[in-house]
Amino acid sequence: MLLKEIAEKLSLKTFTPQVEMAKDVKGGYTSDLLSDVMGASKEGDLWITLQTHKNIVAVASLRELSAIILVKGFEPDRDTVEAATAENIPLLGTDLQTFEISGRLYNLLK
């Protein structure tokens, strides 16, 4: 499913409007531990996290993730938005709890 479709269906906020949203999402990964994401996520996954610092962009870029969703109304730091834009990593947000947005994403992708 395309990231743009997922963002619309889940009513996700976009923090990086200039970044391409026509990416194919192959799966999802939920974790707040950067080392866990580096070791276990897969290319094309949509990463769900509460982390907001710019290191999340480096991990998403390294693992070739489709995008990052920030949960619980958290907003990214300014340098995180700048890094995401530079790396072409869509940065999205939701007010939902991690459990709920993970479940909704799962239901969309299954």
Protein backbone atom coordinates (compact mmCIF):
# COMPACT_ATOMS: atom_id res chain seq x y z
CA MET A 1 0.00 0.00 0.00
CA LEU A 2 1.25 3.50 -0.72
CA LEU A 3 2.33 5.68 2.19
CA LYS A 4 0.07 8.48 1.00
CA GLU A 5 -2.97 6.18 1.24
CA ILE A 6 -1.98 5.02 4.73
CA ALA A 7 -1.48 8.61 5.91
CA GLU A 8 -4.95 9.54 4.67
CA LYS A 9 -6.70 6.48 6.11
CA LEU A 10 -5.02 6.89 9.51
CA SER A 11 -5.40 10.71 9.54
CA LEU A 12 -1.67 11.20 10.09
CA LYS A 13 -0.13 14.64 10.44
CA THR A 14 2.75 15.37 8.06
CA PHE A 15 5.82 17.13 9.49
CA THR A 16 7.74 16.94 6.20
CA PRO A 17 5.25 18.06 3.51
CA GLN A 18 7.95 18.50 0.88
CA VAL A 19 9.08 14.85 1.13
CA GLU A 20 7.72 12.31 -1.38
CA MET A 21 4.78 10.26 -0.04
CA ALA A 22 4.41 7.88 -3.00
CA LYS A 23 6.49 5.21 -1.27
CA ASP A 24 5.39 1.61 -1.05
CA VAL A 25 4.95 0.39 2.54
CA LYS A 26 5.78 -3.31 2.86
CA GLY A 27 5.22 -3.72 6.59
CA GLY A 28 5.46 -2.06 9.96
CA TYR A 29 7.81 -2.02 12.90
CA THR A 30 7.07 -0.67 16.38
CA SER A 31 9.94 0.05 18.75
CA ASP A 32 11.53 2.88 20.71
CA LEU A 33 14.96 1.26 20.87
CA LEU A 34 17.16 2.42 18.00
CA SER A 35 19.36 -0.68 18.24
CA ASP A 36 16.27 -2.90 17.98
CA VAL A 37 15.08 -1.09 14.86
CA MET A 38 18.56 -1.28 13.32
CA GLY A 39 18.72 -5.00 13.96
CA ALA A 40 15.21 -6.18 13.14
CA SER A 41 13.28 -3.79 10.90
CA LYS A 42 13.05 -4.47 7.18
CA GLU A 43 13.39 -2.27 4.12
CA GLY A 44 10.03 -0.64 3.35
CA ASP A 45 8.72 -0.88 6.93
CA LEU A 46 6.81 2.02 8.43
CA TRP A 47 8.41 2.68 11.84
CA ILE A 48 6.22 3.64 14.80
CA THR A 49 8.01 5.30 17.74
CA LEU A 50 7.83 7.97 20.43
CA GLN A 51 11.43 9.09 19.81
CA THR A 52 11.68 12.60 18.33
CA HIS A 53 15.44 13.28 18.07
CA LYS A 54 17.30 13.31 14.76
CA ASN A 55 18.96 9.93 15.32
CA ILE A 56 15.67 8.30 14.25
CA VAL A 57 16.22 9.71 10.77
CA ALA A 58 19.68 8.16 10.57
CA VAL A 59 18.26 4.76 11.55
CA ALA A 60 15.36 5.06 9.08
CA SER A 61 17.77 5.99 6.31
CA LEU A 62 20.19 3.18 7.17
CA ARG A 63 17.42 0.57 7.16
CA GLU A 64 15.66 2.13 4.12
CA LEU A 65 12.37 2.46 6.00
CA SER A 66 9.41 4.00 4.20
CA ALA A 67 8.59 6.57 6.92
CA ILE A 68 8.42 7.28 10.65
CA ILE A 69 5.23 7.79 12.69
CA LEU A 70 5.54 9.65 15.99
CA VAL A 71 2.87 8.69 18.54
CA LYS A 72 0.95 10.31 21.44
CA GLY A 73 1.02 13.80 19.89
CA PHE A 74 4.81 14.05 20.12
CA GLU A 75 6.36 16.48 17.67
CA PRO A 76 9.83 16.18 16.17
CA ASP A 77 12.69 18.49 17.05
CA ARG A 78 13.48 21.08 14.37
CA ASP A 79 16.77 19.39 13.51
CA THR A 80 14.87 16.10 13.12
CA VAL A 81 12.57 17.67 10.52
CA GLU A 82 15.58 19.15 8.70
CA ALA A 83 17.39 15.79 8.68
CA ALA A 84 14.26 13.93 7.51
CA THR A 85 13.79 16.40 4.68
CA ALA A 86 17.44 16.08 3.64
CA GLU A 87 17.25 12.25 3.72
CA ASN A 88 13.82 12.11 2.01
CA ILE A 89 12.27 10.29 5.00
CA PRO A 90 8.60 11.18 5.57
CA LEU A 91 7.98 12.12 9.20
CA LEU A 92 4.37 11.66 10.31
CA GLY A 93 2.48 11.97 13.57
CA THR A 94 -0.62 10.86 15.44
CA ASP A 95 -2.25 11.58 18.79
CA LEU A 96 -2.98 7.87 19.19
CA GLN A 97 -1.14 5.58 21.58
CA THR A 98 1.47 3.23 20.13
CA PHE A 99 -0.70 0.14 20.63
CA GLU A 100 -3.67 1.63 18.78
CA ILE A 101 -1.81 3.03 15.76
CA SER A 102 0.15 -0.22 15.44
CA GLY A 103 -3.10 -2.18 15.36
CA ARG A 104 -4.66 0.13 12.81
CA LEU A 105 -1.60 -0.09 10.57
CA TYR A 106 -1.60 -3.88 10.88
CA ASN A 107 -5.27 -4.03 9.83
CA LEU A 108 -4.58 -1.86 6.79
CA LEU A 109 -1.63 -3.94 5.64
CA LYS A 110 -2.90 -7.48 6.28
